[in-house]
Amino acid sequence: MLGNIVLTIGFLAGLFTFYMYYLTHKGYTNTLVKARIGYHVAATMTIIASLILVHAVLTHQYQYNYVFSYSGSGLSTGLLLSTFWGGQEGSFLLWTLFTAIIGIVLLEYTSKRGDLEPRVMMVFTLSLTFLLLLVNPLLKSPFNYLWMDPS
């Protein structure tokens, strides 16, 4: 439940960030700081969701369909960690995590380059938001419970 909430907040923050960067690109000056904060919120939510999934795998929380399907009590710690990206949902979350981290570095780089930041980060935020959509609770979330998942 918490993982789905965090992913939803991250997705909404991504949409907000995209819109703020769009407004900044169109000439609004008071939206750049909001866009930066929004990106940091989206990236932080992605990192938190990833940590929640790692915790769920390592503590054998089999109420999650993803953990039930891809991990087991007899696996070593290294193999348990590899179940993070063992299934489609976890793989999408891993790519989302990588994108969020690269985006933080890109944000720091482009913020020193004048008008480059709104254009670059608007497109990059759209990529992050799309990946967050893929792990949305209504689509392929690794945090769906066994009794909730239609498959």
C-alpha atoms as a PDB file:
ATOM      1  CA  MET A   1       0.000   0.000   0.000  1.00  0.00           C
ATOM      2  CA  LEU A   2       2.744   2.448   0.974  1.00  0.00           C
ATOM      3  CA  GLY A   3       4.727   1.625  -2.165  1.00  0.00           C
ATOM      4  CA  ASN A   4       1.746   2.356  -4.400  1.00  0.00           C
ATOM      5  CA  ILE A   5       1.124   5.664  -2.621  1.00  0.00           C
ATOM      6  CA  VAL A   6       4.765   6.670  -3.038  1.00  0.00           C
ATOM      7  CA  LEU A   7       4.725   5.757  -6.743  1.00  0.00           C
ATOM      8  CA  THR A   8       1.513   7.723  -7.273  1.00  0.00           C
ATOM      9  CA  ILE A   9       2.986  10.789  -5.558  1.00  0.00           C
ATOM     10  CA  GLY A  10       6.078  10.439  -7.749  1.00  0.00           C
ATOM     11  CA  PHE A  11       3.949  10.230 -10.887  1.00  0.00           C
ATOM     12  CA  LEU A  12       1.924  13.297  -9.935  1.00  0.00           C
ATOM     13  CA  ALA A  13       5.126  15.174  -9.080  1.00  0.00           C
ATOM     14  CA  GLY A  14       6.473  14.222 -12.511  1.00  0.00           C
ATOM     15  CA  LEU A  15       3.401  15.652 -14.231  1.00  0.00           C
ATOM     16  CA  PHE A  16       3.668  18.815 -12.142  1.00  0.00           C
ATOM     17  CA  THR A  17       7.374  19.142 -12.948  1.00  0.00           C
ATOM     18  CA  PHE A  18       6.798  18.702 -16.666  1.00  0.00           C
ATOM     19  CA  TYR A  19       4.162  21.444 -16.616  1.00  0.00           C
ATOM     20  CA  MET A  20       6.375  23.809 -14.597  1.00  0.00           C
ATOM     21  CA  TYR A  21       9.305  23.306 -16.986  1.00  0.00           C
ATOM     22  CA  TYR A  22       6.940  23.891 -19.903  1.00  0.00           C
ATOM     23  CA  LEU A  23       5.808  27.186 -18.365  1.00  0.00           C
ATOM     24  CA  THR A  24       9.427  28.143 -17.700  1.00  0.00           C
ATOM     25  CA  HIS A  25      10.276  27.392 -21.322  1.00  0.00           C
ATOM     26  CA  LYS A  26       7.390  29.637 -22.400  1.00  0.00           C
ATOM     27  CA  GLY A  27       8.838  32.551 -20.420  1.00  0.00           C
ATOM     28  CA  TYR A  28       7.373  32.384 -16.933  1.00  0.00           C
ATOM     29  CA  THR A  29      10.116  33.188 -14.446  1.00  0.00           C
ATOM     30  CA  ASN A  30       8.546  32.107 -11.167  1.00  0.00           C
ATOM     31  CA  THR A  31       8.097  28.448 -12.156  1.00  0.00           C
ATOM     32  CA  LEU A  32      11.720  27.301 -12.397  1.00  0.00           C
ATOM     33  CA  VAL A  33      12.179  26.776  -8.648  1.00  0.00           C
ATOM     34  CA  LYS A  34       8.876  24.895  -8.469  1.00  0.00           C
ATOM     35  CA  ALA A  35      10.001  22.668 -11.335  1.00  0.00           C
ATOM     36  CA  ARG A  36      13.268  21.857  -9.566  1.00  0.00           C
ATOM     37  CA  ILE A  37      11.464  21.035  -6.332  1.00  0.00           C
ATOM     38  CA  GLY A  38       8.978  18.906  -8.254  1.00  0.00           C
ATOM     39  CA  TYR A  39      11.754  16.922  -9.907  1.00  0.00           C
ATOM     40  CA  HIS A  40      13.435  16.305  -6.576  1.00  0.00           C
ATOM     41  CA  VAL A  41      10.116  15.090  -5.154  1.00  0.00           C
ATOM     42  CA  ALA A  42       9.600  12.704  -8.092  1.00  0.00           C
ATOM     43  CA  ALA A  43      13.158  11.382  -7.813  1.00  0.00           C
ATOM     44  CA  THR A  44      12.912  11.008  -4.035  1.00  0.00           C
ATOM     45  CA  MET A  45       9.649   9.082  -4.341  1.00  0.00           C
ATOM     46  CA  THR A  46      11.282   6.766  -6.869  1.00  0.00           C
ATOM     47  CA  ILE A  47      14.207   6.123  -4.528  1.00  0.00           C
ATOM     48  CA  ILE A  48      11.855   5.505  -1.589  1.00  0.00           C
ATOM     49  CA  ALA A  49       9.738   3.083  -3.658  1.00  0.00           C
ATOM     50  CA  SER A  50      12.880   1.188  -4.652  1.00  0.00           C
ATOM     51  CA  LEU A  51      13.988   0.939  -1.033  1.00  0.00           C
ATOM     52  CA  ILE A  52      10.526  -0.293  -0.030  1.00  0.00           C
ATOM     53  CA  LEU A  53      10.729  -3.039  -2.658  1.00  0.00           C
ATOM     54  CA  VAL A  54      14.224  -4.076  -1.563  1.00  0.00           C
ATOM     55  CA  HIS A  55      12.997  -4.221   2.037  1.00  0.00           C
ATOM     56  CA  ALA A  56       9.958  -6.275   1.019  1.00  0.00           C
ATOM     57  CA  VAL A  57      12.152  -8.758  -0.847  1.00  0.00           C
ATOM     58  CA  LEU A  58      14.765  -9.071   1.913  1.00  0.00           C
ATOM     59  CA  THR A  59      12.146  -9.533   4.649  1.00  0.00           C
ATOM     60  CA  HIS A  60      10.110 -12.041   2.588  1.00  0.00           C
ATOM     61  CA  GLN A  61       6.872 -10.077   2.528  1.00  0.00           C
ATOM     62  CA  TYR A  62       4.965 -12.568   0.422  1.00  0.00           C
ATOM     63  CA  GLN A  63       1.732 -10.591   0.520  1.00  0.00           C
ATOM     64  CA  TYR A  64       3.095  -8.730  -2.505  1.00  0.00           C
ATOM     65  CA  ASN A  65       2.528 -10.636  -5.725  1.00  0.00           C
ATOM     66  CA  TYR A  66       5.944  -9.568  -7.030  1.00  0.00           C
ATOM     67  CA  VAL A  67       7.819 -10.856  -3.974  1.00  0.00           C
ATOM     68  CA  PHE A  68       5.764 -14.060  -3.966  1.00  0.00           C
ATOM     69  CA  SER A  69       6.481 -14.695  -7.650  1.00  0.00           C
ATOM     70  CA  TYR A  70      10.193 -13.913  -7.840  1.00  0.00           C
ATOM     71  CA  SER A  71      11.797 -14.605  -4.460  1.00  0.00           C
ATOM     72  CA  GLY A  72      12.030 -17.476  -2.039  1.00  0.00           C
ATOM     73  CA  SER A  73      13.072 -18.154   1.531  1.00  0.00           C
ATOM     74  CA  GLY A  74      15.929 -20.408   0.444  1.00  0.00           C
ATOM     75  CA  LEU A  75      17.716 -17.791  -1.644  1.00  0.00           C
ATOM     76  CA  SER A  76      20.942 -16.163  -0.520  1.00  0.00           C
ATOM     77  CA  THR A  77      21.061 -12.415   0.038  1.00  0.00           C
ATOM     78  CA  GLY A  78      22.696 -11.780  -3.336  1.00  0.00           C
ATOM     79  CA  LEU A  79      20.024 -13.715  -5.177  1.00  0.00           C
ATOM     80  CA  LEU A  80      17.325 -12.007  -3.133  1.00  0.00           C
ATOM     81  CA  LEU A  81      18.689  -8.627  -4.198  1.00  0.00           C
ATOM     82  CA  SER A  82      18.639  -9.743  -7.825  1.00  0.00           C
ATOM     83  CA  THR A  83      14.915 -10.435  -7.571  1.00  0.00           C
ATOM     84  CA  PHE A  84      14.512  -6.645  -7.483  1.00  0.00           C
ATOM     85  CA  TRP A  85      14.849  -6.676 -11.272  1.00  0.00           C
ATOM     86  CA  GLY A  86      13.798 -10.300 -11.789  1.00  0.00           C
ATOM     87  CA  GLY A  87      10.320  -9.502 -13.051  1.00  0.00           C
ATOM     88  CA  GLN A  88       8.891  -6.935 -15.396  1.00  0.00           C
ATOM     89  CA  GLU A  89       7.575  -4.680 -12.618  1.00  0.00           C
ATOM     90  CA  GLY A  90      10.895  -4.624 -10.780  1.00  0.00           C
ATOM     91  CA  SER A  91      12.811  -4.080 -13.986  1.00  0.00           C
ATOM     92  CA  PHE A  92      10.652  -1.067 -14.800  1.00  0.00           C
ATOM     93  CA  LEU A  93      11.230   0.251 -11.286  1.00  0.00           C
ATOM     94  CA  LEU A  94      14.989  -0.260 -11.660  1.00  0.00           C
ATOM     95  CA  TRP A  95      15.016   1.732 -14.914  1.00  0.00           C
ATOM     96  CA  THR A  96      12.907   4.393 -13.243  1.00  0.00           C
ATOM     97  CA  LEU A  97      15.427   4.533 -10.390  1.00  0.00           C
ATOM     98  CA  PHE A  98      18.352   4.901 -12.802  1.00  0.00           C
ATOM     99  CA  THR A  99      16.497   7.603 -14.724  1.00  0.00           C
ATOM    100  CA  ALA A 100      15.705   9.523 -11.535  1.00  0.00           C
ATOM    101  CA  ILE A 101      19.324   9.437 -10.355  1.00  0.00           C
ATOM    102  CA  ILE A 102      20.701  10.454 -13.754  1.00  0.00           C
ATOM    103  CA  GLY A 103      18.119  13.241 -13.808  1.00  0.00           C
ATOM    104  CA  ILE A 104      19.405  14.636 -10.517  1.00  0.00           C
ATOM    105  CA  VAL A 105      22.900  14.821 -12.003  1.00  0.00           C
ATOM    106  CA  LEU A 106      21.522  16.308 -15.222  1.00  0.00           C
ATOM    107  CA  LEU A 107      19.529  18.881 -13.264  1.00  0.00           C
ATOM    108  CA  GLU A 108      22.647  20.028 -11.427  1.00  0.00           C
ATOM    109  CA  TYR A 109      24.555  20.242 -14.709  1.00  0.00           C
ATOM    110  CA  THR A 110      21.901  22.094 -16.713  1.00  0.00           C
ATOM    111  CA  SER A 111      21.027  24.518 -13.919  1.00  0.00           C
ATOM    112  CA  LYS A 112      24.434  26.132 -14.458  1.00  0.00           C
ATOM    113  CA  ARG A 113      23.858  26.513 -18.216  1.00  0.00           C
ATOM    114  CA  GLY A 114      21.262  29.282 -18.340  1.00  0.00           C
ATOM    115  CA  ASP A 115      18.264  28.592 -20.539  1.00  0.00           C
ATOM    116  CA  LEU A 116      19.285  24.997 -21.271  1.00  0.00           C
ATOM    117  CA  GLU A 117      17.635  23.582 -18.134  1.00  0.00           C
ATOM    118  CA  PRO A 118      13.937  24.041 -19.022  1.00  0.00           C
ATOM    119  CA  ARG A 119      14.295  22.456 -22.459  1.00  0.00           C
ATOM    120  CA  VAL A 120      16.413  19.505 -21.377  1.00  0.00           C
ATOM    121  CA  MET A 121      14.643  18.773 -18.117  1.00  0.00           C
ATOM    122  CA  MET A 122      11.191  19.081 -19.667  1.00  0.00           C
ATOM    123  CA  VAL A 123      11.986  16.198 -22.032  1.00  0.00           C
ATOM    124  CA  PHE A 124      13.851  14.230 -19.376  1.00  0.00           C
ATOM    125  CA  THR A 125      11.018  14.657 -16.869  1.00  0.00           C
ATOM    126  CA  LEU A 126       8.601  13.380 -19.482  1.00  0.00           C
ATOM    127  CA  SER A 127      10.726  10.214 -19.717  1.00  0.00           C
ATOM    128  CA  LEU A 128      10.723   9.778 -15.943  1.00  0.00           C
ATOM    129  CA  THR A 129       6.979  10.379 -15.774  1.00  0.00           C
ATOM    130  CA  PHE A 130       6.371   7.770 -18.470  1.00  0.00           C
ATOM    131  CA  LEU A 131       8.408   5.217 -16.523  1.00  0.00           C
ATOM    132  CA  LEU A 132       6.495   6.106 -13.361  1.00  0.00           C
ATOM    133  CA  LEU A 133       3.299   5.527 -15.311  1.00  0.00           C
ATOM    134  CA  LEU A 134       4.489   2.012 -16.184  1.00  0.00           C
ATOM    135  CA  VAL A 135       4.827   1.100 -12.489  1.00  0.00           C
ATOM    136  CA  ASN A 136       1.521   2.758 -11.653  1.00  0.00           C
ATOM    137  CA  PRO A 137      -0.727   0.762  -9.272  1.00  0.00           C
ATOM    138  CA  LEU A 138      -3.306   0.413 -12.053  1.00  0.00           C
ATOM    139  CA  LEU A 139      -0.794  -1.095 -14.501  1.00  0.00           C
ATOM    140  CA  LYS A 140       2.309  -3.053 -13.426  1.00  0.00           C
ATOM    141  CA  SER A 141       3.126  -2.111  -9.860  1.00  0.00           C
ATOM    142  CA  PRO A 142       5.448  -4.373  -7.865  1.00  0.00           C
ATOM    143  CA  PHE A 143       3.407  -3.448  -4.781  1.00  0.00           C
ATOM    144  CA  ASN A 144       0.123  -5.083  -5.779  1.00  0.00           C
ATOM    145  CA  TYR A 145      -1.070  -7.598  -3.221  1.00  0.00           C
ATOM    146  CA  LEU A 146      -1.677 -11.231  -4.132  1.00  0.00           C
ATOM    147  CA  TRP A 147      -5.413 -10.855  -3.738  1.00  0.00           C
ATOM    148  CA  MET A 148      -5.522  -7.662  -5.858  1.00  0.00           C
ATOM    149  CA  ASP A 149      -3.514  -8.705  -8.917  1.00  0.00           C
ATOM    150  CA  PRO A 150      -5.694  -9.862 -11.827  1.00  0.00           C
ATOM    151  CA  SER A 151      -3.037 -12.221 -13.214  1.00  0.00           C
END
